[in-house]
Amino acid sequence: MPEAKTKCSECDAEILISTATRTNGLCMACKNGIRKSIEASKKYYEEQRKPDPFRDYWKELVLRVHKTSEGFGGLSHQEKIYFAVCILDGEVYNGGFHQFFFNHSGEYYQEAFSGLAELGAFYSRELLMSARLALFPDGNFPRDTETRRAQLRTSTDESATDRVLDDLDKKYYDDPDNLGERLRKYALDNHLVKIEPS
């Protein structure tokens, strides 16, 4: 015969009475303090399953850049701008300007720089240029990733550069240009993303 159950005194999840006795009426997730993380994770994955034309378009772009023979060169001007600025934004939020320049994403610097101007995101553009000058003060900016990484590894005063980059990262995170909204508007205005009327 199955063991009788009761409800967790905190979240109402069904639990065995023997568990409730050992945990003062709590399920293991509440007892271990991870219920909120579990619920947040569920909500996140539920949102990811909902249709999102911007997320779908981004996935399509990434596939076109990395899985077709045309690659980035096969994108239209507007697609290149959108792709490069999204790559910049994602990398800076993930690991700062240094990560953008160290990773393959740095190959798209010129398109991101031009794209920020096209989007009217001049403050972000100024921050990007300042980061490039902090990392490549001699003005020599290699597009090739391995050459760029080698140059970054030979930096003479990393601590001073790191302080400058930390400051630039923080200013970027303040998002004075409201870049996400600018990208959204750019995608809609240029018919990159189509939203069906509901």
Protein backbone atom coordinates (compact mmCIF):
# COMPACT_ATOMS: atom_id res chain seq x y z
CA MET A 1 0.00 0.00 0.00
CA PRO A 2 1.45 3.40 -0.94
CA GLU A 3 2.56 5.64 1.91
CA ALA A 4 0.19 8.44 2.85
CA LYS A 5 0.99 11.93 1.67
CA THR A 6 0.53 15.44 2.93
CA LYS A 7 1.31 18.89 1.60
CA CYS A 8 4.48 20.91 2.17
CA SER A 9 3.71 23.61 4.72
CA GLU A 10 5.48 26.22 2.57
CA CYS A 11 4.71 25.50 -1.10
CA ASP A 12 1.83 22.96 -0.98
CA ALA A 13 3.76 20.32 -2.98
CA GLU A 14 2.69 16.77 -2.14
CA ILE A 15 5.21 14.94 0.04
CA LEU A 16 5.32 11.70 1.98
CA ILE A 17 4.27 11.94 5.62
CA SER A 18 7.60 10.34 6.61
CA THR A 19 9.42 13.17 4.78
CA ALA A 20 7.24 15.80 6.46
CA THR A 21 8.07 14.27 9.85
CA ARG A 22 11.83 14.49 9.19
CA THR A 23 11.73 18.03 7.71
CA ASN A 24 9.23 19.81 9.97
CA GLY A 25 6.57 19.70 7.26
CA LEU A 26 8.71 20.92 4.36
CA CYS A 27 9.39 19.31 1.01
CA MET A 28 13.09 18.78 0.28
CA ALA A 29 13.21 21.72 -2.14
CA CYS A 30 11.88 24.12 0.51
CA LYS A 31 14.04 22.57 3.25
CA ASN A 32 17.17 23.02 1.12
CA GLY A 33 16.16 26.53 0.09
CA ILE A 34 16.04 25.81 -3.64
CA ARG A 35 12.30 26.02 -4.31
CA LYS A 36 12.55 29.63 -5.58
CA SER A 37 15.36 28.64 -7.97
CA ILE A 38 13.32 25.70 -9.25
CA GLU A 39 10.27 27.90 -9.81
CA ALA A 40 12.35 30.60 -11.52
CA SER A 41 13.90 27.95 -13.76
CA LYS A 42 10.48 26.54 -14.68
CA LYS A 43 9.24 30.01 -15.53
CA TYR A 44 12.33 30.71 -17.64
CA TYR A 45 11.90 27.50 -19.67
CA GLU A 46 8.17 28.10 -20.08
CA GLU A 47 9.00 31.52 -21.55
CA GLN A 48 11.60 29.94 -23.85
CA ARG A 49 8.93 27.62 -25.28
CA LYS A 50 6.61 30.49 -26.17
CA PRO A 51 6.84 31.82 -29.72
CA ASP A 52 9.18 34.80 -29.95
CA PRO A 53 9.84 36.22 -33.44
CA PHE A 54 13.01 38.01 -32.27
CA ARG A 55 14.51 34.87 -30.71
CA ASP A 56 13.52 32.83 -33.78
CA TYR A 57 15.10 35.39 -36.10
CA TRP A 58 18.29 35.44 -34.03
CA LYS A 59 18.58 31.64 -34.24
CA GLU A 60 18.06 31.83 -38.00
CA LEU A 61 20.77 34.49 -38.35
CA VAL A 62 23.27 32.51 -36.27
CA LEU A 63 22.65 29.42 -38.41
CA ARG A 64 23.12 31.42 -41.60
CA VAL A 65 26.39 32.93 -40.37
CA HIS A 66 27.87 29.70 -39.01
CA LYS A 67 26.28 26.92 -41.05
CA THR A 68 26.12 28.19 -44.63
CA SER A 69 28.87 28.65 -47.17
CA GLU A 70 27.98 32.36 -47.56
CA GLY A 71 28.34 32.97 -43.81
CA PHE A 72 28.34 36.55 -42.59
CA GLY A 73 29.07 37.78 -46.13
CA GLY A 74 25.72 36.41 -47.28
CA LEU A 75 23.74 38.70 -44.99
CA SER A 76 22.18 41.94 -46.18
CA HIS A 77 23.57 45.23 -44.85
CA GLN A 78 20.76 45.49 -42.27
CA GLU A 79 21.24 41.89 -41.17
CA LYS A 80 24.98 42.47 -40.70
CA ILE A 81 24.28 45.52 -38.55
CA TYR A 82 21.72 43.67 -36.44
CA PHE A 83 23.94 40.59 -36.06
CA ALA A 84 27.11 42.53 -35.18
CA VAL A 85 25.45 44.80 -32.61
CA CYS A 86 23.64 41.83 -31.02
CA ILE A 87 26.94 39.94 -30.80
CA LEU A 88 28.61 42.96 -29.20
CA ASP A 89 25.77 43.40 -26.72
CA GLY A 90 25.71 39.74 -25.74
CA GLU A 91 29.47 39.49 -25.29
CA VAL A 92 29.77 42.68 -23.24
CA TYR A 93 26.96 41.61 -20.92
CA ASN A 94 28.48 38.14 -20.65
CA GLY A 95 32.09 39.09 -20.00
CA GLY A 96 32.78 42.72 -20.79
CA PHE A 97 34.50 44.48 -23.66
CA HIS A 98 37.61 42.33 -23.21
CA GLN A 99 35.57 39.22 -23.99
CA PHE A 100 34.13 40.84 -27.11
CA PHE A 101 37.60 41.61 -28.46
CA PHE A 102 39.20 38.33 -27.31
CA ASN A 103 36.56 36.05 -28.81
CA HIS A 104 35.68 35.56 -32.48
CA SER A 105 33.08 38.28 -31.97
CA GLY A 106 35.89 40.83 -32.31
CA GLU A 107 35.88 40.06 -36.04
CA TYR A 108 32.65 42.04 -36.22
CA TYR A 109 34.05 45.16 -34.53
CA GLN A 110 33.80 47.40 -37.60
CA GLU A 111 30.22 46.34 -38.36
CA ALA A 112 29.24 46.79 -34.69
CA PHE A 113 30.92 50.21 -34.59
CA SER A 114 29.13 51.33 -37.76
CA GLY A 115 25.92 49.69 -36.63
CA LEU A 116 25.82 51.60 -33.36
CA ALA A 117 25.96 54.84 -35.36
CA GLU A 118 23.20 53.62 -37.67
CA LEU A 119 21.10 52.80 -34.61
CA GLY A 120 21.79 56.22 -33.11
CA ALA A 121 23.51 54.56 -30.10
CA PHE A 122 26.35 57.07 -29.97
CA TYR A 123 27.17 56.68 -26.27
CA SER A 124 27.61 52.92 -26.68
CA ARG A 125 29.66 53.57 -29.80
CA GLU A 126 31.97 55.91 -27.86
CA LEU A 127 32.41 53.23 -25.16
CA LEU A 128 33.25 50.61 -27.81
CA MET A 129 35.85 52.88 -29.39
CA SER A 130 37.36 53.66 -25.97
CA ALA A 131 37.60 49.94 -25.19
CA ARG A 132 39.33 49.29 -28.51
CA LEU A 133 41.84 52.08 -27.83
CA ALA A 134 42.49 50.76 -24.32
CA LEU A 135 43.24 47.28 -25.68
CA PHE A 136 44.97 48.32 -28.91
CA PRO A 137 46.58 51.68 -28.11
CA ASP A 138 48.87 51.59 -31.16
CA GLY A 139 45.82 51.61 -33.43
CA ASN A 140 46.70 48.22 -34.94
CA PHE A 141 43.47 46.25 -34.72
CA PRO A 142 43.72 42.80 -36.34
CA ARG A 143 40.45 41.35 -37.62
CA ASP A 144 41.87 37.82 -37.43
CA THR A 145 41.04 36.29 -34.04
CA GLU A 146 44.34 34.49 -33.39
CA THR A 147 46.40 37.55 -34.33
CA ARG A 148 44.20 39.71 -32.11
CA ARG A 149 44.51 37.29 -29.19
CA ALA A 150 48.28 37.18 -29.54
CA GLN A 151 48.38 40.96 -29.42
CA LEU A 152 46.11 41.04 -26.36
CA ARG A 153 48.37 38.56 -24.56
CA THR A 154 51.37 40.85 -24.97
CA SER A 155 49.72 43.82 -23.24
CA THR A 156 52.26 45.64 -21.08
CA ASP A 157 50.06 47.15 -18.34
CA GLU A 158 47.14 44.81 -17.82
CA SER A 159 46.05 46.20 -14.45
CA ALA A 160 45.65 49.74 -15.80
CA THR A 161 43.83 48.41 -18.86
CA ASP A 162 41.58 46.27 -16.67
CA ARG A 163 40.61 49.32 -14.59
CA VAL A 164 39.72 51.26 -17.74
CA LEU A 165 37.72 48.33 -19.13
CA ASP A 166 35.89 47.79 -15.83
CA ASP A 167 34.80 51.42 -15.91
CA LEU A 168 33.70 51.16 -19.55
CA ASP A 169 31.79 47.92 -18.84
CA LYS A 170 29.90 49.57 -15.98
CA LYS A 171 28.98 52.54 -18.16
CA TYR A 172 27.77 50.15 -20.87
CA TYR A 173 25.64 48.20 -18.36
CA ASP A 174 23.86 51.45 -17.46
CA ASP A 175 22.46 51.19 -21.02
CA PRO A 176 22.06 54.93 -21.69
CA ASP A 177 21.18 54.25 -25.33
CA ASN A 178 18.47 51.71 -24.46
CA LEU A 179 20.15 49.46 -26.99
CA GLY A 180 17.72 46.55 -26.74
CA GLU A 181 14.82 48.76 -27.77
CA ARG A 182 16.86 50.33 -30.57
CA LEU A 183 17.70 46.87 -31.93
CA ARG A 184 14.07 45.82 -31.71
CA LYS A 185 12.92 48.93 -33.58
CA TYR A 186 15.66 48.50 -36.20
CA ALA A 187 14.61 44.89 -36.83
CA LEU A 188 10.97 45.90 -37.24
CA ASP A 189 11.64 49.02 -39.33
CA ASN A 190 13.85 47.04 -41.71
CA HIS A 191 11.42 44.10 -41.91
CA LEU A 192 13.97 41.68 -40.46
CA VAL A 193 11.39 40.52 -37.94
CA LYS A 194 7.69 40.38 -38.68
CA ILE A 195 5.13 40.33 -35.93
CA GLU A 196 1.81 38.86 -36.88
CA PRO A 197 -1.18 40.86 -35.63
CA SER A 198 -3.02 39.04 -32.89
